[in-house]
């Protein structure tokens, strides 16, 4: 795992590596697969963010457009109308890092201006490469996620990760994004429709460290968790926690989750085990 200080916008930073960092999901949408419509109003969104912060979230990830398969696209203006007032209020409250979940460069720029510290791009800089310029200019943290949507993937999942993320990193470097701003995310569930593909990615997760950057994961309530557990929706939280413990032991450092409390407890044990991974003296 990559230990170090993650540079964020507005002069902020987070230490990554020694312990798990929880990113609470805040979907300001009517149609997200798990909690669509629950936090569409600003007051409900801010209240839920405060709850997640109280449970241990160090990052709140604000998204205004559902990324579930088949979700209807919305305009940039509609996305911004949903997320910017929430980000402004969270920024005024302070005390936690704010992430904007978007692939649009203009939404990212406005979100940073409103007080966000991190850009979380589920299209890995491939949809709007200009988003890398926004991150570079603002000194923002940048999560680059792998996706297989809209293209033909390579037969070997890890090789596809290397190729896609490698191209994204080249975009970031050309834009002037610093290494200490970058976190990579293998994109569990994004055009990985078969459960086995996600399980293989978990099994081989350690191979992604060769890319040389800290790794974030987002398995929370995904379909493959339901396939394994036989659970639906928010009943998948225990299964999610199990995946996160496995991935923490494999070196993940940031965990994007809906249920912060249950994952915090589960990852406390994983962190305790990671802390004990020292070479015995003979």
C-alpha atoms as a PDB file:
ATOM      1  CA  UNK A   1       0.000   0.000   0.000  1.00  0.00           C
ATOM      2  CA  UNK A   2       1.104   3.578  -0.668  1.00  0.00           C
ATOM      3  CA  UNK A   3       1.519   5.615   2.510  1.00  0.00           C
ATOM      4  CA  UNK A   4       1.774   9.373   2.450  1.00  0.00           C
ATOM      5  CA  UNK A   5       0.076  12.748   2.486  1.00  0.00           C
ATOM      6  CA  UNK A   6      -2.706  13.212  -0.064  1.00  0.00           C
ATOM      7  CA  UNK A   7      -2.812  16.785  -1.316  1.00  0.00           C
ATOM      8  CA  UNK A   8      -6.292  18.346  -1.455  1.00  0.00           C
ATOM      9  CA  UNK A   9      -7.628  21.724  -2.544  1.00  0.00           C
ATOM     10  CA  UNK A  10      -7.736  24.787  -0.272  1.00  0.00           C
ATOM     11  CA  UNK A  11      -4.460  23.849   1.418  1.00  0.00           C
ATOM     12  CA  UNK A  12      -5.891  20.690   2.994  1.00  0.00           C
ATOM     13  CA  UNK A  13      -4.450  17.170   3.067  1.00  0.00           C
ATOM     14  CA  UNK A  14      -5.143  13.673   4.407  1.00  0.00           C
ATOM     15  CA  UNK A  15      -2.703  11.037   5.627  1.00  0.00           C
ATOM     16  CA  UNK A  16      -3.262   7.781   3.736  1.00  0.00           C
ATOM     17  CA  UNK A  17      -2.007   4.346   4.680  1.00  0.00           C
ATOM     18  CA  UNK A  18      -1.711   3.841   8.438  1.00  0.00           C
ATOM     19  CA  UNK A  19      -5.484   3.463   8.877  1.00  0.00           C
ATOM     20  CA  UNK A  20      -8.619   3.167   6.796  1.00  0.00           C
ATOM     21  CA  UNK A  21     -10.201   6.398   5.550  1.00  0.00           C
ATOM     22  CA  UNK A  22     -13.974   6.280   5.162  1.00  0.00           C
ATOM     23  CA  UNK A  23     -15.729   8.238   2.420  1.00  0.00           C
ATOM     24  CA  UNK A  24     -19.455   8.626   3.054  1.00  0.00           C
ATOM     25  CA  UNK A  25     -21.744   8.494   0.015  1.00  0.00           C
ATOM     26  CA  UNK A  26     -24.122  11.452  -0.298  1.00  0.00           C
ATOM     27  CA  UNK A  27     -26.351  11.000  -3.352  1.00  0.00           C
ATOM     28  CA  UNK A  28     -28.302  14.191  -4.011  1.00  0.00           C
ATOM     29  CA  UNK A  29     -30.328  12.346  -6.646  1.00  0.00           C
ATOM     30  CA  UNK A  30     -33.830  10.935  -7.136  1.00  0.00           C
ATOM     31  CA  UNK A  31     -32.688   7.718  -8.817  1.00  0.00           C
ATOM     32  CA  UNK A  32     -29.497   6.285  -7.298  1.00  0.00           C
ATOM     33  CA  UNK A  33     -29.765   2.497  -6.963  1.00  0.00           C
ATOM     34  CA  UNK A  34     -29.584   2.350  -3.155  1.00  0.00           C
ATOM     35  CA  UNK A  35     -30.814   5.623  -1.668  1.00  0.00           C
ATOM     36  CA  UNK A  36     -32.241   7.647  -4.535  1.00  0.00           C
ATOM     37  CA  UNK A  37     -34.548  10.412  -3.363  1.00  0.00           C
ATOM     38  CA  UNK A  38     -33.747  10.176   0.340  1.00  0.00           C
ATOM     39  CA  UNK A  39     -31.370  13.147   0.401  1.00  0.00           C
ATOM     40  CA  UNK A  40     -32.547  15.229  -2.546  1.00  0.00           C
ATOM     41  CA  UNK A  41     -33.366  18.274  -0.398  1.00  0.00           C
ATOM     42  CA  UNK A  42     -30.464  20.344   0.922  1.00  0.00           C
ATOM     43  CA  UNK A  43     -31.562  19.984   4.539  1.00  0.00           C
ATOM     44  CA  UNK A  44     -31.863  16.192   4.302  1.00  0.00           C
ATOM     45  CA  UNK A  45     -28.493  15.952   2.533  1.00  0.00           C
ATOM     46  CA  UNK A  46     -26.685  18.095   5.109  1.00  0.00           C
ATOM     47  CA  UNK A  47     -28.319  16.224   7.987  1.00  0.00           C
ATOM     48  CA  UNK A  48     -27.234  12.875   6.547  1.00  0.00           C
ATOM     49  CA  UNK A  49     -23.696  14.186   5.979  1.00  0.00           C
ATOM     50  CA  UNK A  50     -23.525  15.238   9.634  1.00  0.00           C
ATOM     51  CA  UNK A  51     -24.650  11.757  10.671  1.00  0.00           C
ATOM     52  CA  UNK A  52     -21.944  10.103   8.564  1.00  0.00           C
ATOM     53  CA  UNK A  53     -19.284  12.475   9.894  1.00  0.00           C
ATOM     54  CA  UNK A  54     -20.368  11.634  13.420  1.00  0.00           C
ATOM     55  CA  UNK A  55     -19.970   7.937  12.614  1.00  0.00           C
ATOM     56  CA  UNK A  56     -16.416   8.418  11.361  1.00  0.00           C
ATOM     57  CA  UNK A  57     -16.477   9.571   7.727  1.00  0.00           C
ATOM     58  CA  UNK A  58     -13.458  11.736   6.912  1.00  0.00           C
ATOM     59  CA  UNK A  59     -14.690  12.500   3.392  1.00  0.00           C
ATOM     60  CA  UNK A  60     -18.214  13.229   2.159  1.00  0.00           C
ATOM     61  CA  UNK A  61     -18.654  12.356  -1.530  1.00  0.00           C
ATOM     62  CA  UNK A  62     -21.432  14.486  -3.040  1.00  0.00           C
ATOM     63  CA  UNK A  63     -22.974  13.291  -6.297  1.00  0.00           C
ATOM     64  CA  UNK A  64     -25.798  14.813  -8.329  1.00  0.00           C
ATOM     65  CA  UNK A  65     -26.150  12.284 -11.150  1.00  0.00           C
ATOM     66  CA  UNK A  66     -26.796   8.573 -10.662  1.00  0.00           C
ATOM     67  CA  UNK A  67     -24.064   6.277 -11.997  1.00  0.00           C
ATOM     68  CA  UNK A  68     -26.154   3.104 -11.811  1.00  0.00           C
ATOM     69  CA  UNK A  69     -26.434   1.138 -15.080  1.00  0.00           C
ATOM     70  CA  UNK A  70     -29.212   2.547 -17.263  1.00  0.00           C
ATOM     71  CA  UNK A  71     -29.669   5.745 -15.261  1.00  0.00           C
ATOM     72  CA  UNK A  72     -30.994   8.723 -17.211  1.00  0.00           C
ATOM     73  CA  UNK A  73     -28.441  11.409 -18.012  1.00  0.00           C
ATOM     74  CA  UNK A  74     -29.073  14.914 -16.700  1.00  0.00           C
ATOM     75  CA  UNK A  75     -27.778  18.305 -17.769  1.00  0.00           C
ATOM     76  CA  UNK A  76     -24.760  19.962 -16.220  1.00  0.00           C
ATOM     77  CA  UNK A  77     -27.016  22.741 -14.919  1.00  0.00           C
ATOM     78  CA  UNK A  78     -29.291  20.270 -13.148  1.00  0.00           C
ATOM     79  CA  UNK A  79     -26.313  18.469 -11.623  1.00  0.00           C
ATOM     80  CA  UNK A  80     -24.893  21.754 -10.372  1.00  0.00           C
ATOM     81  CA  UNK A  81     -28.238  22.900  -8.956  1.00  0.00           C
ATOM     82  CA  UNK A  82     -28.315  19.722  -6.867  1.00  0.00           C
ATOM     83  CA  UNK A  83     -24.766  19.602  -5.550  1.00  0.00           C
ATOM     84  CA  UNK A  84     -23.470  23.161  -5.201  1.00  0.00           C
ATOM     85  CA  UNK A  85     -25.808  24.352  -2.401  1.00  0.00           C
ATOM     86  CA  UNK A  86     -24.999  21.192  -0.404  1.00  0.00           C
ATOM     87  CA  UNK A  87     -21.254  21.612  -0.900  1.00  0.00           C
ATOM     88  CA  UNK A  88     -21.449  25.281   0.120  1.00  0.00           C
ATOM     89  CA  UNK A  89     -23.245  24.412   3.341  1.00  0.00           C
ATOM     90  CA  UNK A  90     -20.874  21.548   4.168  1.00  0.00           C
ATOM     91  CA  UNK A  91     -17.914  23.844   3.502  1.00  0.00           C
ATOM     92  CA  UNK A  92     -19.306  26.477   5.843  1.00  0.00           C
ATOM     93  CA  UNK A  93     -19.627  23.862   8.585  1.00  0.00           C
ATOM     94  CA  UNK A  94     -16.047  22.685   8.000  1.00  0.00           C
ATOM     95  CA  UNK A  95     -14.377  19.777   9.737  1.00  0.00           C
ATOM     96  CA  UNK A  96     -14.348  17.247   6.898  1.00  0.00           C
ATOM     97  CA  UNK A  97     -13.048  16.859   3.374  1.00  0.00           C
ATOM     98  CA  UNK A  98     -15.640  17.235   0.601  1.00  0.00           C
ATOM     99  CA  UNK A  99     -15.511  15.301  -2.661  1.00  0.00           C
ATOM    100  CA  UNK A 100     -17.480  16.053  -5.818  1.00  0.00           C
ATOM    101  CA  UNK A 101     -18.539  12.932  -7.712  1.00  0.00           C
ATOM    102  CA  UNK A 102     -18.610  14.157 -11.315  1.00  0.00           C
ATOM    103  CA  UNK A 103     -17.048  13.634 -14.731  1.00  0.00           C
ATOM    104  CA  UNK A 104     -17.835  17.197 -15.875  1.00  0.00           C
ATOM    105  CA  UNK A 105     -14.967  19.690 -15.764  1.00  0.00           C
ATOM    106  CA  UNK A 106     -17.242  22.693 -15.231  1.00  0.00           C
ATOM    107  CA  UNK A 107     -19.125  21.033 -12.356  1.00  0.00           C
ATOM    108  CA  UNK A 108     -15.784  20.114 -10.778  1.00  0.00           C
ATOM    109  CA  UNK A 109     -14.525  23.704 -11.082  1.00  0.00           C
ATOM    110  CA  UNK A 110     -17.681  25.162  -9.538  1.00  0.00           C
ATOM    111  CA  UNK A 111     -17.639  22.553  -6.773  1.00  0.00           C
ATOM    112  CA  UNK A 112     -14.041  23.421  -5.879  1.00  0.00           C
ATOM    113  CA  UNK A 113     -14.992  27.111  -5.845  1.00  0.00           C
ATOM    114  CA  UNK A 114     -17.883  26.210  -3.515  1.00  0.00           C
ATOM    115  CA  UNK A 115     -15.492  24.495  -1.093  1.00  0.00           C
ATOM    116  CA  UNK A 116     -14.894  20.939  -2.339  1.00  0.00           C
ATOM    117  CA  UNK A 117     -11.424  19.471  -1.854  1.00  0.00           C
ATOM    118  CA  UNK A 118     -11.497  16.350  -4.048  1.00  0.00           C
ATOM    119  CA  UNK A 119     -12.682  15.442  -7.553  1.00  0.00           C
ATOM    120  CA  UNK A 120     -13.956  11.868  -7.920  1.00  0.00           C
ATOM    121  CA  UNK A 121     -14.249  11.026 -11.642  1.00  0.00           C
ATOM    122  CA  UNK A 122     -15.990   7.717 -12.381  1.00  0.00           C
ATOM    123  CA  UNK A 123     -14.987   8.004 -16.047  1.00  0.00           C
ATOM    124  CA  UNK A 124     -11.293   8.182 -15.180  1.00  0.00           C
ATOM    125  CA  UNK A 125     -10.580  11.429 -17.101  1.00  0.00           C
ATOM    126  CA  UNK A 126     -11.677   9.782 -20.355  1.00  0.00           C
ATOM    127  CA  UNK A 127     -15.087  11.487 -20.673  1.00  0.00           C
ATOM    128  CA  UNK A 128     -13.914  15.075 -20.163  1.00  0.00           C
ATOM    129  CA  UNK A 129     -10.095  15.154 -19.967  1.00  0.00           C
ATOM    130  CA  UNK A 130     -10.299  18.866 -19.089  1.00  0.00           C
ATOM    131  CA  UNK A 131     -11.268  17.805 -15.582  1.00  0.00           C
ATOM    132  CA  UNK A 132      -7.571  17.081 -15.035  1.00  0.00           C
ATOM    133  CA  UNK A 133      -6.819  20.752 -15.754  1.00  0.00           C
ATOM    134  CA  UNK A 134      -9.299  21.745 -13.045  1.00  0.00           C
ATOM    135  CA  UNK A 135      -7.595  19.433 -10.551  1.00  0.00           C
ATOM    136  CA  UNK A 136      -4.150  20.741 -11.478  1.00  0.00           C
ATOM    137  CA  UNK A 137      -5.115  24.403 -11.207  1.00  0.00           C
ATOM    138  CA  UNK A 138      -6.870  23.924  -7.858  1.00  0.00           C
ATOM    139  CA  UNK A 139      -4.358  21.501  -6.362  1.00  0.00           C
ATOM    140  CA  UNK A 140      -7.321  19.235  -5.644  1.00  0.00           C
ATOM    141  CA  UNK A 141      -7.248  15.602  -4.710  1.00  0.00           C
ATOM    142  CA  UNK A 142      -8.144  13.509  -7.749  1.00  0.00           C
ATOM    143  CA  UNK A 143      -9.667  10.029  -7.675  1.00  0.00           C
ATOM    144  CA  UNK A 144      -9.284   8.377 -11.070  1.00  0.00           C
ATOM    145  CA  UNK A 145     -11.659   5.438 -11.449  1.00  0.00           C
ATOM    146  CA  UNK A 146     -11.493   2.558 -13.902  1.00  0.00           C
ATOM    147  CA  UNK A 147     -14.579   1.794 -15.957  1.00  0.00           C
ATOM    148  CA  UNK A 148     -15.348  -0.528 -18.832  1.00  0.00           C
ATOM    149  CA  UNK A 149     -18.394   1.391 -19.982  1.00  0.00           C
ATOM    150  CA  UNK A 150     -18.562   2.499 -23.584  1.00  0.00           C
ATOM    151  CA  UNK A 151     -15.661   0.377 -24.821  1.00  0.00           C
ATOM    152  CA  UNK A 152     -14.444  -3.169 -25.327  1.00  0.00           C
ATOM    153  CA  UNK A 153     -12.375  -4.410 -22.400  1.00  0.00           C
ATOM    154  CA  UNK A 154      -9.283  -6.579 -22.585  1.00  0.00           C
ATOM    155  CA  UNK A 155      -9.810 -10.246 -21.633  1.00  0.00           C
ATOM    156  CA  UNK A 156      -7.494  -9.955 -18.623  1.00  0.00           C
ATOM    157  CA  UNK A 157      -9.075  -7.667 -16.029  1.00  0.00           C
ATOM    158  CA  UNK A 158      -5.840  -6.474 -14.437  1.00  0.00           C
ATOM    159  CA  UNK A 159      -4.258  -5.752 -17.809  1.00  0.00           C
ATOM    160  CA  UNK A 160      -7.344  -3.708 -18.693  1.00  0.00           C
ATOM    161  CA  UNK A 161      -6.907  -1.791 -15.431  1.00  0.00           C
ATOM    162  CA  UNK A 162      -3.278  -1.097 -16.278  1.00  0.00           C
ATOM    163  CA  UNK A 163      -4.082   0.104 -19.792  1.00  0.00           C
ATOM    164  CA  UNK A 164      -7.072   2.293 -18.877  1.00  0.00           C
ATOM    165  CA  UNK A 165      -5.550   3.803 -15.741  1.00  0.00           C
ATOM    166  CA  UNK A 166      -2.185   4.203 -17.447  1.00  0.00           C
ATOM    167  CA  UNK A 167      -3.823   6.313 -20.163  1.00  0.00           C
ATOM    168  CA  UNK A 168      -5.648   8.329 -17.496  1.00  0.00           C
ATOM    169  CA  UNK A 169      -2.420   8.969 -15.612  1.00  0.00           C
ATOM    170  CA  UNK A 170      -0.852  10.279 -18.809  1.00  0.00           C
ATOM    171  CA  UNK A 171      -3.752  12.736 -19.170  1.00  0.00           C
ATOM    172  CA  UNK A 172      -3.254  13.833 -15.569  1.00  0.00           C
ATOM    173  CA  UNK A 173       0.496  14.294 -15.944  1.00  0.00           C
ATOM    174  CA  UNK A 174       0.140  16.348 -19.133  1.00  0.00           C
ATOM    175  CA  UNK A 175      -2.320  18.605 -17.300  1.00  0.00           C
ATOM    176  CA  UNK A 176       0.175  19.135 -14.484  1.00  0.00           C
ATOM    177  CA  UNK A 177      -1.526  17.072 -11.780  1.00  0.00           C
ATOM    178  CA  UNK A 178       1.047  16.096  -9.143  1.00  0.00           C
ATOM    179  CA  UNK A 179       1.526  12.504  -8.029  1.00  0.00           C
ATOM    180  CA  UNK A 180       0.602  13.450  -4.463  1.00  0.00           C
ATOM    181  CA  UNK A 181      -2.854  14.543  -5.673  1.00  0.00           C
ATOM    182  CA  UNK A 182      -3.745  11.185  -7.252  1.00  0.00           C
ATOM    183  CA  UNK A 183      -5.654   8.176  -5.916  1.00  0.00           C
ATOM    184  CA  UNK A 184      -6.765   5.292  -8.152  1.00  0.00           C
ATOM    185  CA  UNK A 185     -10.009   3.310  -7.933  1.00  0.00           C
ATOM    186  CA  UNK A 186     -10.481  -0.020  -9.797  1.00  0.00           C
ATOM    187  CA  UNK A 187     -14.211   0.669 -10.215  1.00  0.00           C
ATOM    188  CA  UNK A 188     -15.952  -2.354  -8.742  1.00  0.00           C
ATOM    189  CA  UNK A 189     -19.266  -2.885 -10.523  1.00  0.00           C
ATOM    190  CA  UNK A 190     -18.646  -0.446 -13.381  1.00  0.00           C
ATOM    191  CA  UNK A 191     -19.111  -2.573 -16.526  1.00  0.00           C
ATOM    192  CA  UNK A 192     -18.153  -5.566 -14.421  1.00  0.00           C
ATOM    193  CA  UNK A 193     -21.593  -7.101 -14.521  1.00  0.00           C
ATOM    194  CA  UNK A 194     -20.677 -10.678 -13.639  1.00  0.00           C
ATOM    195  CA  UNK A 195     -19.987 -11.308  -9.960  1.00  0.00           C
ATOM    196  CA  UNK A 196     -16.942 -13.421 -10.788  1.00  0.00           C
ATOM    197  CA  UNK A 197     -15.271 -10.482 -12.505  1.00  0.00           C
ATOM    198  CA  UNK A 198     -15.515  -8.425  -9.318  1.00  0.00           C
ATOM    199  CA  UNK A 199     -14.391 -11.358  -7.185  1.00  0.00           C
ATOM    200  CA  UNK A 200     -11.391 -11.896  -9.466  1.00  0.00           C
ATOM    201  CA  UNK A 201     -10.544  -8.205  -9.089  1.00  0.00           C
ATOM    202  CA  UNK A 202     -10.676  -8.584  -5.313  1.00  0.00           C
ATOM    203  CA  UNK A 203      -8.483 -11.706  -5.461  1.00  0.00           C
ATOM    204  CA  UNK A 204      -5.867  -9.988  -7.640  1.00  0.00           C
ATOM    205  CA  UNK A 205      -6.190  -6.562  -6.009  1.00  0.00           C
ATOM    206  CA  UNK A 206      -2.598  -6.580  -4.790  1.00  0.00           C
ATOM    207  CA  UNK A 207      -1.358  -6.474  -8.389  1.00  0.00           C
ATOM    208  CA  UNK A 208      -2.700  -2.921  -8.710  1.00  0.00           C
ATOM    209  CA  UNK A 209      -0.044  -1.603  -6.320  1.00  0.00           C
ATOM    210  CA  UNK A 210       2.402  -1.806  -9.219  1.00  0.00           C
ATOM    211  CA  UNK A 211       0.713   1.337 -10.565  1.00  0.00           C
ATOM    212  CA  UNK A 212       2.321   3.197  -7.659  1.00  0.00           C
ATOM    213  CA  UNK A 213      -0.609   5.172  -6.223  1.00  0.00           C
ATOM    214  CA  UNK A 214      -2.915   4.842  -3.191  1.00  0.00           C
ATOM    215  CA  UNK A 215      -6.046   2.818  -3.913  1.00  0.00           C
ATOM    216  CA  UNK A 216      -9.681   3.639  -3.122  1.00  0.00           C
ATOM    217  CA  UNK A 217     -12.519   1.131  -3.413  1.00  0.00           C
ATOM    218  CA  UNK A 218     -16.290   1.361  -3.707  1.00  0.00           C
ATOM    219  CA  UNK A 219     -18.018  -1.977  -3.268  1.00  0.00           C
ATOM    220  CA  UNK A 220     -20.853  -0.609  -1.151  1.00  0.00           C
ATOM    221  CA  UNK A 221     -24.184  -2.366  -1.826  1.00  0.00           C
ATOM    222  CA  UNK A 222     -23.052  -3.324  -5.335  1.00  0.00           C
ATOM    223  CA  UNK A 223     -24.841  -6.042  -7.280  1.00  0.00           C
ATOM    224  CA  UNK A 224     -22.046  -8.571  -6.857  1.00  0.00           C
ATOM    225  CA  UNK A 225     -22.326  -8.211  -3.078  1.00  0.00           C
ATOM    226  CA  UNK A 226     -25.985  -9.098  -3.446  1.00  0.00           C
ATOM    227  CA  UNK A 227     -25.153 -12.063  -5.675  1.00  0.00           C
ATOM    228  CA  UNK A 228     -22.837 -13.527  -3.056  1.00  0.00           C
ATOM    229  CA  UNK A 229     -25.029 -12.772  -0.028  1.00  0.00           C
ATOM    230  CA  UNK A 230     -28.496 -13.048  -1.536  1.00  0.00           C
ATOM    231  CA  UNK A 231     -29.337  -9.624  -0.059  1.00  0.00           C
ATOM    232  CA  UNK A 232     -30.925  -6.515  -1.548  1.00  0.00           C
ATOM    233  CA  UNK A 233     -30.201  -2.795  -1.139  1.00  0.00           C
ATOM    234  CA  UNK A 234     -29.187  -1.674   2.333  1.00  0.00           C
ATOM    235  CA  UNK A 235     -29.294  -5.306   3.504  1.00  0.00           C
ATOM    236  CA  UNK A 236     -25.927  -5.619   1.744  1.00  0.00           C
ATOM    237  CA  UNK A 237     -24.051  -3.554   4.347  1.00  0.00           C
ATOM    238  CA  UNK A 238     -22.622  -6.551   6.207  1.00  0.00           C
ATOM    239  CA  UNK A 239     -21.448  -8.067   2.922  1.00  0.00           C
ATOM    240  CA  UNK A 240     -19.953  -4.703   1.980  1.00  0.00           C
ATOM    241  CA  UNK A 241     -18.024  -4.593   5.253  1.00  0.00           C
ATOM    242  CA  UNK A 242     -16.654  -8.068   4.536  1.00  0.00           C
ATOM    243  CA  UNK A 243     -15.375  -6.982   1.118  1.00  0.00           C
ATOM    244  CA  UNK A 244     -13.748  -3.913   2.658  1.00  0.00           C
ATOM    245  CA  UNK A 245     -11.917  -5.964   5.277  1.00  0.00           C
ATOM    246  CA  UNK A 246     -10.564  -8.206   2.508  1.00  0.00           C
ATOM    247  CA  UNK A 247      -9.522  -5.211   0.432  1.00  0.00           C
ATOM    248  CA  UNK A 248      -7.942  -3.445   3.401  1.00  0.00           C
ATOM    249  CA  UNK A 249      -5.812  -6.512   4.021  1.00  0.00           C
ATOM    250  CA  UNK A 250      -4.851  -6.313   0.333  1.00  0.00           C
ATOM    251  CA  UNK A 251      -3.782  -2.671   0.717  1.00  0.00           C
ATOM    252  CA  UNK A 252      -6.750  -0.406  -0.046  1.00  0.00           C
ATOM    253  CA  UNK A 253      -6.722   2.853   1.921  1.00  0.00           C
ATOM    254  CA  UNK A 254      -9.994   4.694   1.109  1.00  0.00           C
ATOM    255  CA  UNK A 255     -13.433   3.069   1.352  1.00  0.00           C
ATOM    256  CA  UNK A 256     -16.502   4.652  -0.227  1.00  0.00           C
ATOM    257  CA  UNK A 257     -19.552   3.438   1.728  1.00  0.00           C
ATOM    258  CA  UNK A 258     -23.213   4.129   2.410  1.00  0.00           C
ATOM    259  CA  UNK A 259     -23.211   2.769   5.981  1.00  0.00           C
ATOM    260  CA  UNK A 260     -20.257   4.375   7.739  1.00  0.00           C
ATOM    261  CA  UNK A 261     -20.780   2.908  11.218  1.00  0.00           C
ATOM    262  CA  UNK A 262     -20.708  -0.792  10.295  1.00  0.00           C
ATOM    263  CA  UNK A 263     -17.696  -0.357   8.008  1.00  0.00           C
ATOM    264  CA  UNK A 264     -15.805   1.673  10.611  1.00  0.00           C
ATOM    265  CA  UNK A 265     -16.101  -1.172  13.121  1.00  0.00           C
ATOM    266  CA  UNK A 266     -15.155  -3.849  10.597  1.00  0.00           C
ATOM    267  CA  UNK A 267     -12.185  -1.860   9.315  1.00  0.00           C
ATOM    268  CA  UNK A 268     -10.963  -1.181  12.855  1.00  0.00           C
ATOM    269  CA  UNK A 269     -10.117  -4.880  13.057  1.00  0.00           C
ATOM    270  CA  UNK A 270      -8.522  -4.866   9.622  1.00  0.00           C
ATOM    271  CA  UNK A 271      -6.406  -1.862  10.647  1.00  0.00           C
ATOM    272  CA  UNK A 272      -5.346  -3.674  13.808  1.00  0.00           C
ATOM    273  CA  UNK A 273      -4.178  -6.626  11.718  1.00  0.00           C
ATOM    274  CA  UNK A 274      -2.381  -4.369   9.219  1.00  0.00           C
ATOM    275  CA  UNK A 275      -0.559  -2.709  12.143  1.00  0.00           C
ATOM    276  CA  UNK A 276       0.714  -6.097  13.229  1.00  0.00           C
ATOM    277  CA  UNK A 277       2.177  -6.970   9.839  1.00  0.00           C
ATOM    278  CA  UNK A 278       5.787  -6.524  10.895  1.00  0.00           C
ATOM    279  CA  UNK A 279       8.655  -8.793  10.004  1.00  0.00           C
ATOM    280  CA  UNK A 280       9.390 -11.069  12.981  1.00  0.00           C
ATOM    281  CA  UNK A 281      12.887 -11.025  14.359  1.00  0.00           C
ATOM    282  CA  UNK A 282      14.814 -14.299  14.234  1.00  0.00           C
END
